[in-house]
Protein backbone atom coordinates (compact mmCIF):
# COMPACT_ATOMS: atom_id res chain seq x y z
CA UNK A 1 0.00 0.00 0.00
CA UNK A 2 1.42 3.38 -1.04
CA UNK A 3 1.66 6.13 1.56
CA UNK A 4 -0.61 9.13 0.92
CA UNK A 5 1.41 12.32 0.42
CA UNK A 6 0.13 15.46 2.17
CA UNK A 7 0.56 18.57 0.03
CA UNK A 8 -0.68 21.21 2.50
CA UNK A 9 1.71 22.58 5.12
CA UNK A 10 1.44 25.59 7.41
CA UNK A 11 4.62 27.65 7.45
CA UNK A 12 5.38 29.66 10.60
CA UNK A 13 7.71 32.62 10.16
CA UNK A 14 10.44 32.53 12.84
CA UNK A 15 10.78 36.33 12.59
CA UNK A 16 7.18 37.48 13.23
CA UNK A 17 5.22 34.28 14.00
CA UNK A 18 2.85 34.67 11.03
CA UNK A 19 1.35 31.36 9.91
CA UNK A 20 0.16 30.61 6.37
CA UNK A 21 -1.06 27.38 4.85
CA UNK A 22 0.62 26.69 1.52
CA UNK A 23 0.51 23.95 -1.11
CA UNK A 24 3.91 22.32 -1.50
CA UNK A 25 5.34 21.64 -4.95
CA UNK A 26 5.63 17.95 -5.84
CA UNK A 27 8.38 18.25 -8.43
CA UNK A 28 10.97 20.30 -6.49
CA UNK A 29 11.89 21.50 -3.03
CA UNK A 30 11.21 25.13 -2.19
CA UNK A 31 14.43 26.72 -0.97
CA UNK A 32 13.13 30.28 -0.44
CA UNK A 33 9.85 31.55 1.02
CA UNK A 34 8.91 35.18 1.61
CA UNK A 35 6.71 35.82 4.65
CA UNK A 36 3.57 37.66 3.58
CA UNK A 37 3.49 39.61 6.86
CA UNK A 38 7.05 40.88 7.48
CA UNK A 39 8.62 40.15 4.06
CA UNK A 40 11.43 38.12 5.68
CA UNK A 41 12.89 35.66 3.16
CA UNK A 42 13.18 32.25 4.81
CA UNK A 43 15.80 29.69 3.85
CA UNK A 44 16.07 26.10 5.16
CA UNK A 45 17.87 25.50 8.44
CA UNK A 46 21.18 23.64 8.24
CA UNK A 47 20.50 19.99 7.47
CA UNK A 48 17.03 20.58 6.00
CA UNK A 49 16.33 20.44 2.26
CA UNK A 50 13.60 23.09 2.06
CA UNK A 51 11.57 25.68 3.96
CA UNK A 52 8.73 23.21 4.57
CA UNK A 53 11.07 20.82 6.39
CA UNK A 54 12.37 23.73 8.51
CA UNK A 55 9.26 25.83 9.18
CA UNK A 56 6.24 23.82 8.03
CA UNK A 57 3.85 21.55 9.88
CA UNK A 58 4.42 18.83 7.25
CA UNK A 59 7.69 17.81 5.60
CA UNK A 60 8.05 18.14 1.82
CA UNK A 61 6.75 15.36 -0.49
CA UNK A 62 10.20 13.82 -1.20
CA UNK A 63 10.85 13.43 2.55
CA UNK A 64 7.32 12.03 3.07
CA UNK A 65 8.11 9.46 0.39
CA UNK A 66 11.11 8.32 2.42
CA UNK A 67 13.83 10.47 0.91
CA UNK A 68 16.96 11.40 2.80
CA UNK A 69 17.48 14.81 4.45
CA UNK A 70 19.25 15.96 1.30
CA UNK A 71 16.29 15.09 -0.92
CA UNK A 72 16.50 17.71 -3.65
């Protein structure tokens, strides 16, 4: 049985605390994300492949599929 991939993740800005639900891309990792509230440009934390793995409520699709930390 194949694992269902969740495409919605809520990103929390570490600068201002703003939360926004976003749809994650399935064909690439998202390395940059601009907060809609404070305009801070987020980048992944060391060891994470994308902003969803660092600041989202759900890891990116490649990680959900069992990829390694360096998935993209």
